[in-house]
């Protein structure tokens, strides 16, 4: 596993499974924008996803908790996914 991927996984494991690695619990301020992008700005989502593409991830999953899923999918298809496809080539 690449060093960056391992570091990311360790951060995730620390947040989700603190007892597995002897870490202490953290609050939402500590993890904000580390494992998710909470923004309405397409550029923020592109930047966030690009870090994973640059680490070699070849599958990314996107989710919105907003009730208007149709609008989310349309905006991602229009504003985010085409730019991410260019970066992943």
C-alpha atoms as a PDB file:
ATOM      1  CA  UNK A   1       0.000   0.000   0.000  1.00  0.00           C
ATOM      2  CA  UNK A   2       1.356   3.399  -0.891  1.00  0.00           C
ATOM      3  CA  UNK A   3       2.446   5.558   2.024  1.00  0.00           C
ATOM      4  CA  UNK A   4      -0.263   8.172   1.352  1.00  0.00           C
ATOM      5  CA  UNK A   5      -2.963   5.506   1.163  1.00  0.00           C
ATOM      6  CA  UNK A   6      -1.736   3.979   4.422  1.00  0.00           C
ATOM      7  CA  UNK A   7      -1.760   7.380   6.125  1.00  0.00           C
ATOM      8  CA  UNK A   8      -5.306   8.015   4.903  1.00  0.00           C
ATOM      9  CA  UNK A   9      -6.439   4.580   6.071  1.00  0.00           C
ATOM     10  CA  UNK A  10      -4.855   5.107   9.485  1.00  0.00           C
ATOM     11  CA  UNK A  11      -6.684   8.436   9.808  1.00  0.00           C
ATOM     12  CA  UNK A  12      -9.955   6.756   8.882  1.00  0.00           C
ATOM     13  CA  UNK A  13      -9.336   3.816  11.209  1.00  0.00           C
ATOM     14  CA  UNK A  14      -8.545   6.191  14.057  1.00  0.00           C
ATOM     15  CA  UNK A  15     -11.845   7.984  13.550  1.00  0.00           C
ATOM     16  CA  UNK A  16     -14.020   4.915  12.995  1.00  0.00           C
ATOM     17  CA  UNK A  17     -12.266   2.337  15.172  1.00  0.00           C
ATOM     18  CA  UNK A  18     -10.284   4.170  17.855  1.00  0.00           C
ATOM     19  CA  UNK A  19      -9.866   1.094  20.016  1.00  0.00           C
ATOM     20  CA  UNK A  20      -8.146  -0.813  17.197  1.00  0.00           C
ATOM     21  CA  UNK A  21      -5.097   1.408  17.266  1.00  0.00           C
ATOM     22  CA  UNK A  22      -5.278   2.887  20.750  1.00  0.00           C
ATOM     23  CA  UNK A  23      -6.276   6.336  19.555  1.00  0.00           C
ATOM     24  CA  UNK A  24      -8.419   8.770  21.444  1.00  0.00           C
ATOM     25  CA  UNK A  25     -11.846   9.881  20.277  1.00  0.00           C
ATOM     26  CA  UNK A  26     -11.980  13.057  18.215  1.00  0.00           C
ATOM     27  CA  UNK A  27     -14.704  15.606  17.581  1.00  0.00           C
ATOM     28  CA  UNK A  28     -16.244  16.757  14.335  1.00  0.00           C
ATOM     29  CA  UNK A  29     -13.924  19.765  14.130  1.00  0.00           C
ATOM     30  CA  UNK A  30     -10.952  17.401  13.912  1.00  0.00           C
ATOM     31  CA  UNK A  31     -12.330  15.377  11.029  1.00  0.00           C
ATOM     32  CA  UNK A  32     -14.201  18.041   9.056  1.00  0.00           C
ATOM     33  CA  UNK A  33     -13.181  17.834   5.389  1.00  0.00           C
ATOM     34  CA  UNK A  34     -10.771  14.954   6.042  1.00  0.00           C
ATOM     35  CA  UNK A  35     -13.018  12.075   4.992  1.00  0.00           C
ATOM     36  CA  UNK A  36     -15.762  14.001   3.232  1.00  0.00           C
ATOM     37  CA  UNK A  37     -16.285  17.210   1.334  1.00  0.00           C
ATOM     38  CA  UNK A  38     -19.067  19.286   2.845  1.00  0.00           C
ATOM     39  CA  UNK A  39     -19.434  22.048   0.273  1.00  0.00           C
ATOM     40  CA  UNK A  40     -21.819  23.231  -2.436  1.00  0.00           C
ATOM     41  CA  UNK A  41     -18.844  24.394  -4.535  1.00  0.00           C
ATOM     42  CA  UNK A  42     -17.895  22.044  -7.408  1.00  0.00           C
ATOM     43  CA  UNK A  43     -14.244  23.177  -7.222  1.00  0.00           C
ATOM     44  CA  UNK A  44     -14.050  21.991  -3.610  1.00  0.00           C
ATOM     45  CA  UNK A  45     -15.328  18.550  -4.613  1.00  0.00           C
ATOM     46  CA  UNK A  46     -12.878  18.344  -7.508  1.00  0.00           C
ATOM     47  CA  UNK A  47      -9.981  19.287  -5.247  1.00  0.00           C
ATOM     48  CA  UNK A  48     -11.093  16.814  -2.571  1.00  0.00           C
ATOM     49  CA  UNK A  49     -11.494  13.899  -4.996  1.00  0.00           C
ATOM     50  CA  UNK A  50      -8.253  14.734  -6.816  1.00  0.00           C
ATOM     51  CA  UNK A  51      -6.216  13.924  -3.712  1.00  0.00           C
ATOM     52  CA  UNK A  52      -7.509  10.340  -3.916  1.00  0.00           C
ATOM     53  CA  UNK A  53      -6.931  10.106  -7.671  1.00  0.00           C
ATOM     54  CA  UNK A  54      -3.376  11.331  -7.126  1.00  0.00           C
ATOM     55  CA  UNK A  55      -2.857   8.588  -4.522  1.00  0.00           C
ATOM     56  CA  UNK A  56      -3.850   5.968  -7.079  1.00  0.00           C
ATOM     57  CA  UNK A  57      -7.441   5.231  -6.129  1.00  0.00           C
ATOM     58  CA  UNK A  58      -9.373   4.018  -9.167  1.00  0.00           C
ATOM     59  CA  UNK A  59     -12.848   3.920  -7.622  1.00  0.00           C
ATOM     60  CA  UNK A  60     -14.499   6.775  -5.770  1.00  0.00           C
ATOM     61  CA  UNK A  61     -18.024   6.850  -4.402  1.00  0.00           C
ATOM     62  CA  UNK A  62     -20.003  10.063  -4.091  1.00  0.00           C
ATOM     63  CA  UNK A  63     -22.993  10.606  -1.840  1.00  0.00           C
ATOM     64  CA  UNK A  64     -25.228  13.485  -0.873  1.00  0.00           C
ATOM     65  CA  UNK A  65     -27.401  13.564   2.223  1.00  0.00           C
ATOM     66  CA  UNK A  66     -29.511  16.314   0.647  1.00  0.00           C
ATOM     67  CA  UNK A  67     -33.092  15.220  -0.104  1.00  0.00           C
ATOM     68  CA  UNK A  68     -32.911  16.368  -3.751  1.00  0.00           C
ATOM     69  CA  UNK A  69     -30.791  13.516  -5.107  1.00  0.00           C
ATOM     70  CA  UNK A  70     -31.748  14.309  -8.706  1.00  0.00           C
ATOM     71  CA  UNK A  71     -30.241  17.792  -8.477  1.00  0.00           C
ATOM     72  CA  UNK A  72     -27.105  16.384  -6.828  1.00  0.00           C
ATOM     73  CA  UNK A  73     -26.598  13.815  -9.594  1.00  0.00           C
ATOM     74  CA  UNK A  74     -27.230  16.351 -12.344  1.00  0.00           C
ATOM     75  CA  UNK A  75     -24.788  18.883 -10.905  1.00  0.00           C
ATOM     76  CA  UNK A  76     -22.103  16.245 -10.327  1.00  0.00           C
ATOM     77  CA  UNK A  77     -22.545  14.897 -13.858  1.00  0.00           C
ATOM     78  CA  UNK A  78     -22.281  18.408 -15.276  1.00  0.00           C
ATOM     79  CA  UNK A  79     -19.699  20.130 -13.051  1.00  0.00           C
ATOM     80  CA  UNK A  80     -17.547  17.535 -11.284  1.00  0.00           C
ATOM     81  CA  UNK A  81     -17.310  14.182 -13.051  1.00  0.00           C
ATOM     82  CA  UNK A  82     -16.045  15.442 -16.433  1.00  0.00           C
ATOM     83  CA  UNK A  83     -13.138  17.210 -14.727  1.00  0.00           C
ATOM     84  CA  UNK A  84     -12.328  14.175 -12.592  1.00  0.00           C
ATOM     85  CA  UNK A  85     -12.336  11.919 -15.642  1.00  0.00           C
ATOM     86  CA  UNK A  86      -9.755  14.201 -17.263  1.00  0.00           C
ATOM     87  CA  UNK A  87      -7.548  14.002 -14.160  1.00  0.00           C
ATOM     88  CA  UNK A  88      -7.747  10.229 -13.915  1.00  0.00           C
ATOM     89  CA  UNK A  89      -6.419   9.574 -17.430  1.00  0.00           C
END
